[in-house]
């Protein structure tokens, strides 16, 4: 094999990629056309989905006693109920908390503290409530919150993607 053979193989590869790019461009054009064709209907259905979700969320919140045990249920491929809130870390004194972390977790402080001397909230949130208390951090917003989640199938995910694209395009148009 010589450099001319390599050049010929490169030419074949370039032509194959060009043909593939042409098909992908046609497909993307058809997808855009399909989205535009169904845009009004998508926007209308998205509005209905938002309204029904808001009504469902309010009903669940007003009747949370129905979700003590079990906390969630699946109806019509949608998981509904109550779930524990993720919580929010409250750090009243950054300096004091940094000092406590260095004192109590000297070996792990590089993981718990970002280099710029701020607290790595992702790492700190993994500590126990007792450990958080020792370093002066409290957790708020851990009360129950409404859960509405589809038990996604691939088709549901595709529909969601189209809805999200339709929403973004609708926002751009506005």
Protein backbone atom coordinates (compact mmCIF):
# COMPACT_ATOMS: atom_id res chain seq x y z
CA UNK A 1 0.00 0.00 0.00
CA UNK A 2 1.22 3.48 -0.78
CA UNK A 3 0.08 7.06 -0.16
CA UNK A 4 -2.10 6.99 -3.29
CA UNK A 5 -3.99 3.99 -1.89
CA UNK A 6 -4.52 5.88 1.39
CA UNK A 7 -5.74 8.91 -0.58
CA UNK A 8 -8.21 6.69 -2.49
CA UNK A 9 -9.52 5.13 0.76
CA UNK A 10 -9.85 8.64 2.21
CA UNK A 11 -11.83 9.68 -0.87
CA UNK A 12 -14.19 6.70 -0.44
CA UNK A 13 -14.64 7.54 3.23
CA UNK A 14 -15.33 11.21 2.45
CA UNK A 15 -17.97 10.26 -0.14
CA UNK A 16 -19.63 7.84 2.32
CA UNK A 17 -19.76 10.54 5.00
CA UNK A 18 -21.14 13.04 2.50
CA UNK A 19 -23.93 10.60 1.55
CA UNK A 20 -24.70 10.00 5.23
CA UNK A 21 -24.77 13.75 5.92
CA UNK A 22 -27.19 14.23 3.05
CA UNK A 23 -29.60 11.65 4.51
CA UNK A 24 -29.30 13.13 8.02
CA UNK A 25 -30.02 16.62 6.64
CA UNK A 26 -33.10 15.31 4.80
CA UNK A 27 -34.30 13.59 7.97
CA UNK A 28 -33.79 16.73 10.07
CA UNK A 29 -35.66 18.75 7.46
CA UNK A 30 -38.57 16.30 7.56
CA UNK A 31 -38.61 16.37 11.37
CA UNK A 32 -38.70 20.20 11.32
CA UNK A 33 -41.52 20.11 8.78
CA UNK A 34 -43.46 17.59 10.87
CA UNK A 35 -42.99 19.75 13.98
CA UNK A 36 -44.21 22.83 12.14
CA UNK A 37 -47.16 20.91 10.71
CA UNK A 38 -48.24 19.78 14.18
CA UNK A 39 -47.00 22.80 16.14
CA UNK A 40 -50.40 24.31 16.89
CA UNK A 41 -51.80 20.98 18.05
CA UNK A 42 -48.68 20.31 20.14
CA UNK A 43 -48.93 23.70 21.84
CA UNK A 44 -52.65 23.18 22.54
CA UNK A 45 -52.06 19.71 23.98
CA UNK A 46 -49.11 20.97 26.02
CA UNK A 47 -51.37 23.62 27.54
CA UNK A 48 -53.97 20.97 28.41
CA UNK A 49 -51.27 18.73 29.93
CA UNK A 50 -50.04 21.62 32.10
CA UNK A 51 -53.57 22.41 33.30
CA UNK A 52 -54.40 18.78 34.10
CA UNK A 53 -51.07 18.44 35.92
CA UNK A 54 -51.80 21.54 38.00
CA UNK A 55 -55.28 20.23 38.90
CA UNK A 56 -53.86 16.80 39.78
CA UNK A 57 -51.08 18.34 41.86
CA UNK A 58 -53.56 20.49 43.80
CA UNK A 59 -55.84 17.49 44.40
CA UNK A 60 -52.95 15.38 45.69
CA UNK A 61 -51.70 18.18 47.94
CA UNK A 62 -55.20 18.81 49.35
CA UNK A 63 -55.70 15.09 49.97
CA UNK A 64 -52.21 14.06 51.08
CA UNK A 65 -53.75 11.84 53.77
CA UNK A 66 -54.62 9.41 50.97
CA UNK A 67 -50.90 8.83 50.44
CA UNK A 68 -49.69 7.73 53.88
CA UNK A 69 -49.18 4.04 53.06
CA UNK A 70 -48.35 3.51 50.31
CA UNK A 71 -46.83 6.95 49.67
CA UNK A 72 -47.20 6.64 45.92
CA UNK A 73 -49.41 4.77 43.51
CA UNK A 74 -49.39 4.19 39.78
CA UNK A 75 -52.58 4.95 37.87
CA UNK A 76 -52.66 4.87 34.07
CA UNK A 77 -48.83 4.64 33.88
CA UNK A 78 -48.40 7.78 36.00
CA UNK A 79 -46.87 7.62 39.46
CA UNK A 80 -48.65 9.97 41.86
CA UNK A 81 -48.45 10.64 45.57
CA UNK A 82 -46.16 12.26 48.06
CA UNK A 83 -42.39 12.09 48.38
CA UNK A 84 -39.88 13.46 50.83
CA UNK A 85 -38.53 16.82 49.69
CA UNK A 86 -34.88 16.90 48.69
CA UNK A 87 -34.20 19.62 51.21
CA UNK A 88 -32.02 22.71 51.03
CA UNK A 89 -28.78 23.19 52.95
CA UNK A 90 -28.76 26.34 55.08
CA UNK A 91 -25.28 27.58 55.97
CA UNK A 92 -25.68 30.59 58.25
CA UNK A 93 -21.95 31.18 58.76
CA UNK A 94 -19.68 30.11 55.93
CA UNK A 95 -16.50 30.83 57.89
CA UNK A 96 -17.61 28.92 60.99
CA UNK A 97 -18.81 25.95 58.94
CA UNK A 98 -15.56 25.83 56.97
CA UNK A 99 -13.59 25.86 60.23
CA UNK A 100 -15.74 23.06 61.70
CA UNK A 101 -15.32 20.91 58.57
CA UNK A 102 -11.55 21.37 58.74
CA UNK A 103 -11.60 20.49 62.44
CA UNK A 104 -13.88 17.44 62.24
CA UNK A 105 -13.11 16.13 58.75
CA UNK A 106 -9.49 17.10 58.17
CA UNK A 107 -8.76 14.09 55.95
CA UNK A 108 -11.93 14.61 53.87
CA UNK A 109 -11.96 18.41 53.85
CA UNK A 110 -10.62 18.50 50.29
CA UNK A 111 -13.77 16.69 49.15
CA UNK A 112 -16.18 18.65 51.32
CA UNK A 113 -14.65 22.08 50.65
CA UNK A 114 -14.17 23.55 47.20
CA UNK A 115 -10.74 25.04 46.54
CA UNK A 116 -12.11 28.56 46.48
CA UNK A 117 -13.08 28.10 50.13
CA UNK A 118 -16.75 27.47 49.60
CA UNK A 119 -18.65 24.43 50.77
CA UNK A 120 -19.16 21.55 48.36
CA UNK A 121 -22.89 21.23 48.96
CA UNK A 122 -23.18 18.02 46.97
CA UNK A 123 -20.60 16.27 49.16
CA UNK A 124 -21.79 17.86 52.41
CA UNK A 125 -25.40 16.86 51.71
CA UNK A 126 -24.30 13.20 51.98
CA UNK A 127 -23.34 13.66 55.64
CA UNK A 128 -25.72 12.48 58.35
CA UNK A 129 -28.07 14.96 60.01
CA UNK A 130 -26.02 14.66 63.20
CA UNK A 131 -22.79 15.43 61.35
CA UNK A 132 -24.44 18.41 59.63
CA UNK A 133 -25.59 19.72 63.00
CA UNK A 134 -22.04 19.48 64.40
CA UNK A 135 -20.70 21.72 61.63
CA UNK A 136 -23.55 24.21 61.92
CA UNK A 137 -25.67 23.26 58.90
CA UNK A 138 -29.42 22.76 59.01
CA UNK A 139 -31.70 21.35 56.36
CA UNK A 140 -34.95 23.03 55.39
CA UNK A 141 -37.76 22.29 52.93
CA UNK A 142 -37.81 18.56 53.61
CA UNK A 143 -41.57 18.44 53.99
CA UNK A 144 -43.60 16.19 51.77
CA UNK A 145 -44.11 17.34 48.24
CA UNK A 146 -46.38 16.21 45.44
CA UNK A 147 -45.02 13.64 43.01
CA UNK A 148 -46.40 13.24 39.49
CA UNK A 149 -44.17 11.21 37.24
CA UNK A 150 -44.85 9.14 34.16
CA UNK A 151 -43.49 5.64 34.13
CA UNK A 152 -41.76 6.51 30.89
CA UNK A 153 -41.64 4.22 27.95
CA UNK A 154 -39.51 5.06 24.94
CA UNK A 155 -42.60 6.46 23.18
CA UNK A 156 -43.44 8.65 26.19
CA UNK A 157 -39.89 10.00 26.16
CA UNK A 158 -40.16 10.78 22.45
CA UNK A 159 -43.48 12.59 23.01
CA UNK A 160 -41.92 14.53 25.91
CA UNK A 161 -39.00 15.51 23.69
CA UNK A 162 -41.38 16.77 21.02
CA UNK A 163 -43.39 18.66 23.63
CA UNK A 164 -40.25 20.27 25.04
CA UNK A 165 -39.07 21.23 21.53
CA UNK A 166 -42.51 22.64 20.77
CA UNK A 167 -42.46 24.64 23.98
CA UNK A 168 -39.00 26.06 23.24
CA UNK A 169 -40.03 27.01 19.72
CA UNK A 170 -43.22 28.56 21.07
CA UNK A 171 -41.20 30.63 23.55
CA UNK A 172 -38.85 31.76 20.78
CA UNK A 173 -41.80 32.81 18.63
CA UNK A 174 -43.27 34.81 21.53
